[in-house]
Amino acid sequence: MTTVSAPSRTVRIGSRKSQLALVQTYWVQAELQKHFPDIEFEVHTMSTQGDKILDVALAKIGDKGLFTKELEVGMLNHETDIAVHSLKDLPTNLPEGLMLGCVTERENPADAVVLHEKHKDKQLETLPEGAVIGTSSLRRLAQLRHHFPHFEFKDIRGNLNTRLQKLDEGGYDAIILAVAGLTRLGMGDRIHQTISPDVSLHAVGQGALGIECRDGDEKILEVIKVLEHTPTAQRCHAERAFLRELEGGCQVPIGVNTQVENNQLTLIGMVASLDGKRLIRDTVSGEASNAEQLGIDLAHRLREQGAKEILDQIFAEIQRQ
């Protein structure tokens, strides 16, 4: 049991209202309650812009705090003390006055293939030409187009249950989702195939939870740090530094994969064009304690290989749409 001075009798936790967000937030609430039985942890829910706009592709809305801004305003206004995010949704540049206070242990960050029942005997690689694949992620789209140019790709929005329903109703032959989200919702049995990082590098921060708080709120920081998982935090800080240095947002085709072994961190990074025809990928390794610098170094490597030109073109394309 961890003992620290209580920040107050109550800590207010901000959360989105989606089923997955609440599962994640209630897990954080329960874990904190175990460590601090004398503090009350209250969950306060709110809807974000990303939850409200479901008929437009994410990339067209823009990604400046699409799933986080309202939660951040709550903290800045002292209505809540912390916010629980899927770390992949949290922008790499946070509003002044806020900080990423804790990164929890990561679930499997890979992407998953969920197939329509009629294809249950197939794998992604053996689906027929013209198979309709659903994804709302430009990162997944670009990588899959690179490896499977013979598929048709179609945007899909909504929460996990909505997307699975659209698949089951026959609108798609397969959809691509995060292994972590399906696992956390107890839907791991829907995972037909886990996509190899050779085919699809995952999103920055995917599979981890980020707990955001007010910058300098030492008592709150002391509380939430009990949930910090150092290897995950090192991996995610490297990934976020890579994304930040490339000036890429959550909705651009940038993918990563990280491992920490014997205090050595290996970071693979990728930038791809939307049509999948151009894909740049490289790797760096070094001391895990130097995670952010490794991310910056890899971003510079990819820039030298043409990543900036690819990203500039993508931003121009999105603005024209």
Protein backbone atom coordinates (compact mmCIF):
# COMPACT_ATOMS: atom_id res chain seq x y z
CA MET A 1 0.00 0.00 0.00
CA THR A 2 1.33 3.42 -0.99
CA THR A 3 1.09 6.20 1.58
CA VAL A 4 1.20 9.85 0.55
CA SER A 5 -0.44 12.94 1.91
CA ALA A 6 -3.93 13.21 0.50
CA PRO A 7 -4.52 16.05 -2.00
CA SER A 8 -8.03 16.42 -0.53
CA ARG A 9 -10.78 14.06 0.49
CA THR A 10 -11.95 13.88 -3.15
CA VAL A 11 -10.21 13.55 -6.52
CA ARG A 12 -12.44 14.25 -9.53
CA ILE A 13 -11.69 12.20 -12.67
CA GLY A 14 -12.78 13.47 -16.09
CA SER A 15 -13.82 10.92 -18.72
CA ARG A 16 -15.51 10.69 -22.09
CA LYS A 17 -18.89 8.96 -22.07
CA SER A 18 -18.08 6.19 -24.56
CA GLN A 19 -18.20 2.60 -23.31
CA LEU A 20 -14.47 2.08 -23.83
CA ALA A 21 -13.55 5.38 -22.17
CA LEU A 22 -15.65 4.50 -19.13
CA VAL A 23 -14.18 0.99 -18.84
CA GLN A 24 -10.72 2.56 -18.86
CA THR A 25 -11.63 5.32 -16.41
CA TYR A 26 -13.34 2.97 -13.96
CA TRP A 27 -10.22 0.77 -14.05
CA VAL A 28 -8.07 3.80 -13.12
CA GLN A 29 -10.57 4.77 -10.41
CA ALA A 30 -10.50 1.26 -8.90
CA GLU A 31 -6.69 1.02 -8.99
CA LEU A 32 -6.28 4.42 -7.32
CA GLN A 33 -8.90 3.52 -4.73
CA LYS A 34 -6.87 0.41 -3.80
CA HIS A 35 -3.81 2.55 -3.10
CA PHE A 36 -5.67 5.41 -1.40
CA PRO A 37 -8.68 4.06 0.54
CA ASP A 38 -9.07 7.36 2.40
CA ILE A 39 -9.61 9.40 -0.78
CA GLU A 40 -12.86 9.42 -2.73
CA PHE A 41 -12.37 9.20 -6.50
CA GLU A 42 -15.36 10.62 -8.42
CA VAL A 43 -15.90 10.11 -12.16
CA HIS A 44 -17.28 13.08 -14.11
CA THR A 45 -18.30 12.33 -17.72
CA MET A 46 -18.54 14.68 -20.69
CA SER A 47 -18.90 14.49 -24.46
CA THR A 48 -16.08 15.67 -26.71
CA GLN A 49 -16.26 17.03 -30.25
CA GLY A 50 -15.03 13.68 -31.59
CA ASP A 51 -17.94 11.92 -29.85
CA LYS A 52 -20.52 14.29 -31.33
CA ILE A 53 -19.43 14.40 -35.00
CA LEU A 54 -19.86 10.87 -36.30
CA ASP A 55 -20.72 11.44 -39.97
CA VAL A 56 -17.43 13.06 -41.03
CA ALA A 57 -14.02 11.40 -41.48
CA LEU A 58 -11.75 12.21 -38.54
CA ALA A 59 -9.02 13.67 -40.75
CA LYS A 60 -11.46 16.24 -42.19
CA ILE A 61 -12.50 17.53 -38.75
CA GLY A 62 -8.93 18.21 -37.68
CA ASP A 63 -7.26 16.66 -34.67
CA LYS A 64 -6.45 19.43 -32.24
CA GLY A 65 -7.82 17.80 -29.11
CA LEU A 66 -10.69 16.13 -30.94
CA PHE A 67 -11.31 13.71 -28.05
CA THR A 68 -9.63 15.68 -25.26
CA LYS A 69 -10.37 19.42 -25.34
CA GLU A 70 -13.51 19.37 -23.21
CA LEU A 71 -11.78 17.22 -20.59
CA GLU A 72 -8.85 19.64 -20.54
CA VAL A 73 -11.12 22.66 -20.08
CA GLY A 74 -12.63 20.88 -17.08
CA MET A 75 -9.22 20.58 -15.43
CA LEU A 76 -8.19 24.15 -16.23
CA ASN A 77 -11.48 25.36 -14.71
CA HIS A 78 -10.82 23.19 -11.60
CA GLU A 79 -14.04 21.23 -12.23
CA THR A 80 -11.95 18.04 -12.37
CA ASP A 81 -8.44 17.16 -11.17
CA ILE A 82 -7.34 14.55 -13.71
CA ALA A 83 -8.51 13.13 -17.05
CA VAL A 84 -8.09 9.58 -18.35
CA HIS A 85 -7.35 9.27 -22.07
CA SER A 86 -6.53 6.58 -24.56
CA LEU A 87 -2.99 7.91 -24.99
CA LYS A 88 -3.22 7.69 -28.78
CA ASP A 89 -5.96 10.38 -28.67
CA LEU A 90 -3.90 12.84 -26.60
CA PRO A 91 -2.12 15.49 -28.73
CA THR A 92 1.65 15.68 -28.26
CA ASN A 93 1.47 19.41 -27.46
CA LEU A 94 -0.75 19.97 -24.44
CA PRO A 95 -2.46 23.23 -23.43
CA GLU A 96 -0.48 25.52 -21.16
CA GLY A 97 -1.07 24.56 -17.55
CA LEU A 98 -1.57 20.84 -18.21
CA MET A 99 0.81 17.89 -18.35
CA LEU A 100 0.88 14.14 -18.99
CA GLY A 101 1.26 12.95 -15.41
CA CYS A 102 1.18 9.18 -15.78
CA VAL A 103 1.32 6.43 -18.41
CA THR A 104 -0.17 3.06 -17.42
CA GLU A 105 0.99 -0.40 -18.46
CA ARG A 106 0.25 -1.02 -22.10
CA GLU A 107 -2.14 -3.56 -23.55
CA ASN A 108 -1.08 -5.14 -26.86
CA PRO A 109 -0.76 -2.05 -29.14
CA ALA A 110 -1.23 -3.97 -32.40
CA ASP A 111 -4.02 -3.58 -34.94
CA ALA A 112 -6.62 -6.35 -35.29
CA VAL A 113 -8.56 -7.72 -38.24
CA VAL A 114 -12.23 -8.46 -37.58
CA LEU A 115 -13.76 -10.40 -40.48
CA HIS A 116 -17.35 -10.77 -41.64
CA GLU A 117 -18.69 -14.24 -40.85
CA LYS A 118 -18.61 -15.26 -44.54
CA HIS A 119 -14.78 -14.88 -44.53
CA LYS A 120 -14.12 -16.73 -41.26
CA ASP A 121 -11.87 -19.26 -43.03
CA LYS A 122 -9.65 -16.50 -44.48
CA GLN A 123 -6.87 -14.18 -43.35
CA LEU A 124 -6.32 -10.59 -44.43
CA GLU A 125 -3.84 -11.87 -47.01
CA THR A 126 -6.34 -14.29 -48.58
CA LEU A 127 -9.39 -12.00 -48.86
CA PRO A 128 -10.58 -11.68 -52.48
CA GLU A 129 -9.69 -8.80 -54.76
CA GLY A 130 -12.02 -5.85 -54.17
CA ALA A 131 -12.77 -6.83 -50.55
CA VAL A 132 -14.15 -3.81 -48.67
CA ILE A 133 -12.01 -2.95 -45.63
CA GLY A 134 -13.33 -0.47 -43.06
CA THR A 135 -11.04 1.88 -41.15
CA SER A 136 -11.24 5.49 -39.96
CA SER A 137 -7.45 5.74 -39.54
CA LEU A 138 -5.26 7.26 -42.25
CA ARG A 139 -2.30 5.41 -40.70
CA ARG A 140 -3.96 2.02 -41.18
CA LEU A 141 -5.31 3.04 -44.58
CA ALA A 142 -1.92 4.07 -45.99
CA GLN A 143 -0.09 0.98 -44.74
CA LEU A 144 -2.77 -1.45 -45.89
CA ARG A 145 -2.97 0.23 -49.29
CA HIS A 146 0.79 -0.21 -49.54
CA HIS A 147 0.59 -3.95 -48.90
CA PHE A 148 -2.87 -4.70 -50.35
CA PRO A 149 -3.55 -2.31 -53.26
CA HIS A 150 -6.22 -4.70 -54.60
CA PHE A 151 -8.62 -4.02 -51.68
CA GLU A 152 -11.28 -1.31 -51.53
CA PHE A 153 -11.09 0.88 -48.45
CA LYS A 154 -14.11 2.61 -46.89
CA ASP A 155 -14.30 4.98 -43.92
CA ILE A 156 -16.08 3.73 -40.79
CA ARG A 157 -16.97 5.80 -37.71
CA GLY A 158 -18.76 5.21 -34.42
CA ASN A 159 -17.94 3.34 -31.23
CA LEU A 160 -16.74 -0.27 -31.30
CA ASN A 161 -20.22 -1.75 -31.03
CA THR A 162 -21.47 0.43 -33.89
CA ARG A 163 -18.54 -0.54 -36.11
CA LEU A 164 -18.98 -4.24 -35.37
CA GLN A 165 -22.69 -3.95 -36.17
CA LYS A 166 -21.92 -2.30 -39.52
CA LEU A 167 -19.54 -5.18 -40.30
CA ASP A 168 -22.04 -7.86 -39.25
CA GLU A 169 -24.76 -6.24 -41.38
CA GLY A 170 -22.59 -6.76 -44.46
CA GLY A 171 -21.35 -3.25 -45.15
CA TYR A 172 -17.74 -4.43 -45.02
CA ASP A 173 -15.77 -7.64 -45.57
CA ALA A 174 -13.43 -6.74 -42.72
CA ILE A 175 -12.73 -3.87 -40.36
CA ILE A 176 -9.49 -2.90 -38.63
CA LEU A 177 -9.60 -2.06 -34.92
CA ALA A 178 -7.16 -1.86 -32.02
CA VAL A 179 -6.47 -5.12 -30.18
CA ALA A 180 -6.41 -3.14 -26.90
CA GLY A 181 -9.89 -1.68 -27.28
CA LEU A 182 -11.48 -5.03 -28.12
CA THR A 183 -9.63 -6.71 -25.24
CA ARG A 184 -10.64 -4.06 -22.68
CA LEU A 185 -14.30 -4.39 -23.69
CA GLY A 186 -14.21 -8.17 -23.34
CA MET A 187 -14.53 -8.63 -27.10
CA GLY A 188 -11.21 -10.35 -27.67
CA ASP A 189 -13.07 -13.25 -29.30
CA ARG A 190 -13.85 -10.95 -32.26
CA ILE A 191 -10.13 -10.64 -33.08
CA HIS A 192 -9.63 -12.89 -36.10
CA GLN A 193 -6.03 -11.88 -36.76
CA THR A 194 -3.43 -9.63 -35.16
CA ILE A 195 -1.60 -7.67 -37.85
CA SER A 196 2.17 -8.04 -37.85
CA PRO A 197 4.24 -4.85 -37.41
CA ASP A 198 5.83 -5.80 -40.73
CA VAL A 199 2.49 -4.83 -42.29
CA SER A 200 1.03 -2.21 -39.94
CA LEU A 201 2.92 -0.18 -37.34
CA HIS A 202 0.58 0.95 -34.59
CA ALA A 203 -0.45 4.47 -33.57
CA VAL A 204 1.66 6.54 -31.18
CA GLY A 205 0.57 5.63 -27.64
CA GLN A 206 -1.85 2.90 -28.79
CA GLY A 207 -2.77 0.46 -26.03
CA ALA A 208 -1.66 2.72 -23.16
CA LEU A 209 -3.70 5.06 -20.98
CA GLY A 210 -2.50 8.58 -20.29
CA ILE A 211 -3.57 10.42 -17.14
CA GLU A 212 -3.45 14.18 -17.63
CA CYS A 213 -3.41 16.68 -14.77
CA ARG A 214 -2.63 20.31 -13.98
CA ASP A 215 1.04 21.16 -14.35
CA GLY A 216 2.68 21.57 -10.96
CA ASP A 217 -0.13 19.95 -8.95
CA GLU A 218 2.36 17.90 -6.93
CA LYS A 219 -0.14 16.22 -4.62
CA ILE A 220 -2.25 14.95 -7.51
CA LEU A 221 0.92 13.89 -9.35
CA GLU A 222 2.05 11.95 -6.30
CA VAL A 223 -1.26 10.06 -6.32
CA ILE A 224 -1.46 9.15 -10.01
CA LYS A 225 2.22 8.20 -10.30
CA VAL A 226 1.46 4.94 -8.46
CA LEU A 227 -0.02 3.68 -11.75
CA GLU A 228 3.02 4.63 -13.86
CA HIS A 229 4.60 1.71 -15.77
CA THR A 230 8.15 2.82 -16.54
CA PRO A 231 8.87 0.69 -19.66
CA THR A 232 5.53 1.72 -21.19
CA ALA A 233 6.16 5.36 -20.30
CA GLN A 234 9.61 5.24 -21.91
CA ARG A 235 8.21 3.68 -25.08
CA CYS A 236 5.36 6.18 -25.29
CA HIS A 237 7.55 9.22 -24.58
CA ALA A 238 9.83 8.12 -27.45
CA GLU A 239 6.82 7.66 -29.75
CA ARG A 240 5.27 11.00 -28.78
CA ALA A 241 8.57 12.85 -29.26
CA PHE A 242 8.85 11.26 -32.73
CA LEU A 243 5.32 12.41 -33.66
CA ARG A 244 5.81 15.89 -32.14
CA GLU A 245 9.09 16.44 -34.00
CA LEU A 246 7.47 15.45 -37.30
CA GLU A 247 4.67 17.93 -36.49
CA GLY A 248 2.19 15.18 -37.19
CA GLY A 249 -1.21 14.94 -35.57
CA CYS A 250 -3.24 11.93 -34.50
CA GLN A 251 -4.89 11.71 -37.93
CA VAL A 252 -1.85 11.40 -40.21
CA PRO A 253 -0.20 8.21 -41.56
CA ILE A 254 2.55 7.95 -38.96
CA GLY A 255 3.13 4.57 -37.31
CA VAL A 256 5.52 3.25 -34.67
CA ASN A 257 6.66 0.14 -32.85
CA THR A 258 8.77 0.13 -29.68
CA GLN A 259 10.44 -2.41 -27.46
CA VAL A 260 12.45 -2.06 -24.23
CA GLU A 261 14.88 -4.82 -23.27
CA ASN A 262 17.76 -4.56 -20.78
CA ASN A 263 17.17 -0.78 -20.56
CA GLN A 264 17.67 -0.49 -24.34
CA LEU A 265 14.83 1.05 -26.33
CA THR A 266 14.27 0.28 -30.01
CA LEU A 267 11.91 2.56 -31.93
CA ILE A 268 10.67 1.88 -35.46
CA GLY A 269 8.89 4.74 -37.23
CA MET A 270 6.99 5.08 -40.49
CA VAL A 271 5.49 7.82 -42.64
CA ALA A 272 3.40 6.94 -45.71
CA SER A 273 1.53 8.72 -48.46
CA LEU A 274 -2.27 8.36 -48.43
CA ASP A 275 -2.23 6.17 -51.55
CA GLY A 276 0.31 3.87 -49.90
CA LYS A 277 2.67 4.13 -52.83
CA ARG A 278 5.40 5.85 -50.85
CA LEU A 279 6.35 4.51 -47.43
CA ILE A 280 9.43 5.56 -45.45
CA ARG A 281 10.51 3.48 -42.46
CA ASP A 282 13.60 3.47 -40.21
CA THR A 283 14.80 2.37 -36.76
CA VAL A 284 16.84 3.80 -33.87
CA SER A 285 18.08 2.17 -30.65
CA GLY A 286 19.63 3.53 -27.48
CA GLU A 287 19.31 3.94 -23.71
CA ALA A 288 15.66 3.81 -22.63
CA SER A 289 16.35 6.69 -20.25
CA ASN A 290 17.03 8.79 -23.36
CA ALA A 291 13.62 7.98 -24.86
CA GLU A 292 12.56 11.45 -26.03
CA GLN A 293 15.86 12.13 -27.79
CA LEU A 294 15.58 8.79 -29.61
CA GLY A 295 12.17 9.86 -30.90
CA ILE A 296 13.58 13.20 -32.07
CA ASP A 297 16.55 11.48 -33.74
CA LEU A 298 14.28 9.11 -35.67
CA ALA A 299 12.06 11.99 -36.82
CA HIS A 300 15.15 13.75 -38.22
CA ARG A 301 16.18 10.57 -40.05
CA LEU A 302 12.78 10.23 -41.69
CA ARG A 303 12.74 13.92 -42.58
CA GLU A 304 16.03 13.45 -44.43
CA GLN A 305 14.39 10.63 -46.40
CA GLY A 306 11.42 12.74 -47.52
CA ALA A 307 8.89 12.50 -44.67
CA LYS A 308 8.23 16.25 -44.58
CA GLU A 309 7.27 16.33 -48.26
CA ILE A 310 4.85 13.43 -47.74
CA LEU A 311 3.21 15.09 -44.71
CA ASP A 312 2.98 18.50 -46.41
CA GLN A 313 1.22 16.87 -49.35
CA ILE A 314 -1.21 15.05 -47.05
CA PHE A 315 -2.13 18.24 -45.16
CA ALA A 316 -2.72 19.98 -48.50
CA GLU A 317 -4.94 17.12 -49.69
CA ILE A 318 -7.01 17.13 -46.50
CA GLN A 319 -7.52 20.91 -46.68
CA ARG A 320 -8.73 20.63 -50.30
CA GLN A 321 -11.37 18.04 -49.42
